[in-house]
Amino acid sequence: MNRSIQRFILCLFIASLGACSKPDFGTVSGDGGNFSQGKWLLVNYWATWCGPCREEIPALNTFATNRSDVEIYGVNYDNLNGQALHDAIAEMGIEFDSMLADPAPQLGIPRPRVLPTTLLIGPDGSVKATLTGPQTAETLSAAITQVSAP
């Protein structure tokens, strides 16, 4: 094989790798994320005016730190963006990454009507449960265990 064909094949291979890793959603950190990433995903809807949201954020922060098999993303219910979103995240003390847009349309589900709401997405990328009200490490672990059971 001549060198130009080898380069062409190498370029196609590299381009295909990049296409495979394209994120499903944008995040505040700029890293992006994927719904089916081989681990559990918790998508937590919050707002600064939601008292129960404020109460549950510390538990979510701790849960995100303590569980390597789970990734947590926040979603601002009021669709804030730019500096307003950054300010709200700081005000709430959120330590996990946040999505830039509501994922409900992508996931084929209705937008939550109650806050806080947490979506439990399985490692395969499908929504396994919708949890309403403030969550704790115990309720989140129990929900994951329940939907994982055969």
Protein backbone atom coordinates (compact mmCIF):
# COMPACT_ATOMS: atom_id res chain seq x y z
CA MET A 1 0.00 0.00 0.00
CA ASN A 2 1.40 3.39 -0.85
CA ARG A 3 1.88 6.05 1.80
CA SER A 4 -0.99 8.33 0.65
CA ILE A 5 -3.52 5.48 0.95
CA GLN A 6 -2.19 4.66 4.43
CA ARG A 7 -2.61 8.29 5.49
CA PHE A 8 -6.12 8.39 4.05
CA ILE A 9 -7.12 5.24 5.98
CA LEU A 10 -5.56 6.63 9.15
CA CYS A 11 -7.48 9.90 8.74
CA LEU A 12 -10.76 8.00 8.24
CA PHE A 13 -10.07 5.95 11.36
CA ILE A 14 -9.33 9.05 13.46
CA ALA A 15 -12.41 10.83 12.12
CA SER A 16 -14.61 7.83 12.97
CA LEU A 17 -13.29 7.83 16.53
CA GLY A 18 -14.23 11.49 16.89
CA ALA A 19 -17.74 10.81 15.62
CA CYS A 20 -18.21 8.07 18.21
CA SER A 21 -17.38 10.36 21.09
CA LYS A 22 -19.62 13.27 20.10
CA PRO A 23 -21.50 14.34 23.23
CA ASP A 24 -25.29 14.01 23.44
CA PHE A 25 -25.55 17.24 25.44
CA GLY A 26 -23.55 20.32 26.32
CA THR A 27 -22.47 21.10 29.86
CA VAL A 28 -21.40 24.16 31.81
CA SER A 29 -17.90 22.68 32.17
CA GLY A 30 -17.62 22.39 28.39
CA ASP A 31 -16.93 18.65 28.60
CA GLY A 32 -20.35 17.55 27.35
CA GLY A 33 -21.85 14.20 28.20
CA ASN A 34 -23.53 11.12 26.84
CA PHE A 35 -26.70 9.44 27.98
CA SER A 36 -25.33 5.94 27.46
CA GLN A 37 -21.89 6.11 29.00
CA GLY A 38 -21.86 2.77 30.80
CA LYS A 39 -22.78 4.17 34.21
CA TRP A 40 -25.90 5.44 35.94
CA LEU A 41 -26.87 9.03 35.22
CA LEU A 42 -28.94 11.21 37.53
CA VAL A 43 -30.39 14.31 35.93
CA ASN A 44 -31.61 16.69 38.61
CA TYR A 45 -33.97 19.58 37.81
CA TRP A 46 -33.57 22.53 40.18
CA ALA A 47 -34.37 26.23 40.53
CA THR A 48 -33.14 28.93 42.91
CA TRP A 49 -36.72 29.61 44.10
CA CYS A 50 -37.27 25.93 45.02
CA GLY A 51 -36.72 25.40 48.76
CA PRO A 52 -36.63 21.57 48.57
CA CYS A 53 -34.05 21.86 45.76
CA ARG A 54 -31.81 23.89 48.06
CA GLU A 55 -32.21 21.25 50.77
CA GLU A 56 -31.26 18.32 48.52
CA ILE A 57 -28.21 19.84 46.75
CA PRO A 58 -25.72 18.97 49.56
CA ALA A 59 -26.87 15.31 49.44
CA LEU A 60 -26.46 15.25 45.66
CA ASN A 61 -22.98 16.79 45.94
CA THR A 62 -21.96 14.09 48.43
CA PHE A 63 -23.56 11.32 46.38
CA ALA A 64 -21.71 12.47 43.25
CA THR A 65 -18.41 12.38 45.13
CA ASN A 66 -18.97 8.99 46.77
CA ARG A 67 -20.34 6.96 43.84
CA SER A 68 -17.97 6.31 40.94
CA ASP A 69 -20.69 4.32 39.15
CA VAL A 70 -22.99 7.35 38.97
CA GLU A 71 -22.73 10.67 37.13
CA ILE A 72 -24.96 13.58 38.19
CA TYR A 73 -25.96 16.50 36.00
CA GLY A 74 -28.11 19.43 36.98
CA VAL A 75 -30.71 21.14 34.82
CA ASN A 76 -31.85 24.63 35.65
CA TYR A 77 -35.64 24.58 35.42
CA ASP A 78 -35.79 28.26 34.43
CA ASN A 79 -33.56 27.74 31.38
CA LEU A 80 -30.95 30.21 32.59
CA ASN A 81 -27.81 30.53 30.50
CA GLY A 82 -24.50 32.33 30.48
CA GLN A 83 -23.52 34.28 33.58
CA ALA A 84 -27.00 33.98 35.08
CA LEU A 85 -26.65 30.18 35.05
CA HIS A 86 -23.15 30.33 36.57
CA ASP A 87 -24.41 32.68 39.29
CA ALA A 88 -27.38 30.42 40.11
CA ILE A 89 -25.12 27.34 40.31
CA ALA A 90 -22.82 29.19 42.71
CA GLU A 91 -25.78 30.44 44.77
CA MET A 92 -27.13 26.88 45.08
CA GLY A 93 -23.70 25.42 45.94
CA ILE A 94 -23.92 22.88 43.12
CA GLU A 95 -20.63 21.00 42.73
CA PHE A 96 -21.64 18.62 39.90
CA ASP A 97 -21.81 19.63 36.24
CA SER A 98 -24.97 21.10 34.72
CA MET A 99 -26.53 20.65 31.31
CA LEU A 100 -26.92 23.69 29.08
CA ALA A 101 -30.39 22.68 27.89
CA ASP A 102 -33.35 20.65 29.13
CA PRO A 103 -32.81 17.04 27.97
CA ALA A 104 -36.50 16.05 28.15
CA PRO A 105 -37.13 16.43 24.39
CA GLN A 106 -34.05 14.34 23.56
CA LEU A 107 -35.13 11.66 26.01
CA GLY A 108 -38.70 11.64 24.69
CA ILE A 109 -40.26 12.49 28.05
CA PRO A 110 -42.40 15.39 29.24
CA ARG A 111 -40.77 18.27 31.07
CA PRO A 112 -41.13 17.80 34.85
CA ARG A 113 -43.98 19.70 36.50
CA VAL A 114 -42.71 19.30 40.07
CA LEU A 115 -39.41 20.35 41.59
CA PRO A 116 -37.11 18.88 42.48
CA THR A 117 -37.31 16.05 39.96
CA THR A 118 -34.49 13.60 39.32
CA LEU A 119 -34.36 11.33 36.28
CA LEU A 120 -32.61 8.02 36.74
CA ILE A 121 -31.01 6.97 33.46
CA GLY A 122 -29.54 3.50 33.13
CA PRO A 123 -26.10 2.70 31.72
CA ASP A 124 -27.84 1.92 28.41
CA GLY A 125 -29.13 5.52 28.13
CA SER A 126 -32.82 4.84 28.80
CA VAL A 127 -34.87 6.56 31.47
CA LYS A 128 -35.50 3.99 34.21
CA ALA A 129 -37.33 6.12 36.80
CA THR A 130 -38.51 9.63 37.60
CA LEU A 131 -38.05 10.59 41.23
CA THR A 132 -39.98 13.58 42.58
CA GLY A 133 -39.22 15.48 45.73
CA PRO A 134 -35.90 15.89 47.53
CA GLN A 135 -33.61 12.87 47.38
CA THR A 136 -30.99 11.54 49.76
CA ALA A 137 -28.07 9.16 49.23
CA GLU A 138 -30.29 6.40 50.63
CA THR A 139 -33.27 7.06 48.34
CA LEU A 140 -31.02 7.37 45.29
CA SER A 141 -29.16 4.13 46.09
CA ALA A 142 -32.46 2.35 46.72
CA ALA A 143 -33.87 3.57 43.39
CA ILE A 144 -30.81 2.37 41.49
CA THR A 145 -30.96 -1.00 43.25
CA GLN A 146 -34.69 -1.33 42.56
CA VAL A 147 -34.48 -0.61 38.81
CA SER A 148 -31.35 -2.78 38.49
CA ALA A 149 -33.08 -5.85 39.92
CA PRO A 150 -34.02 -8.45 37.30
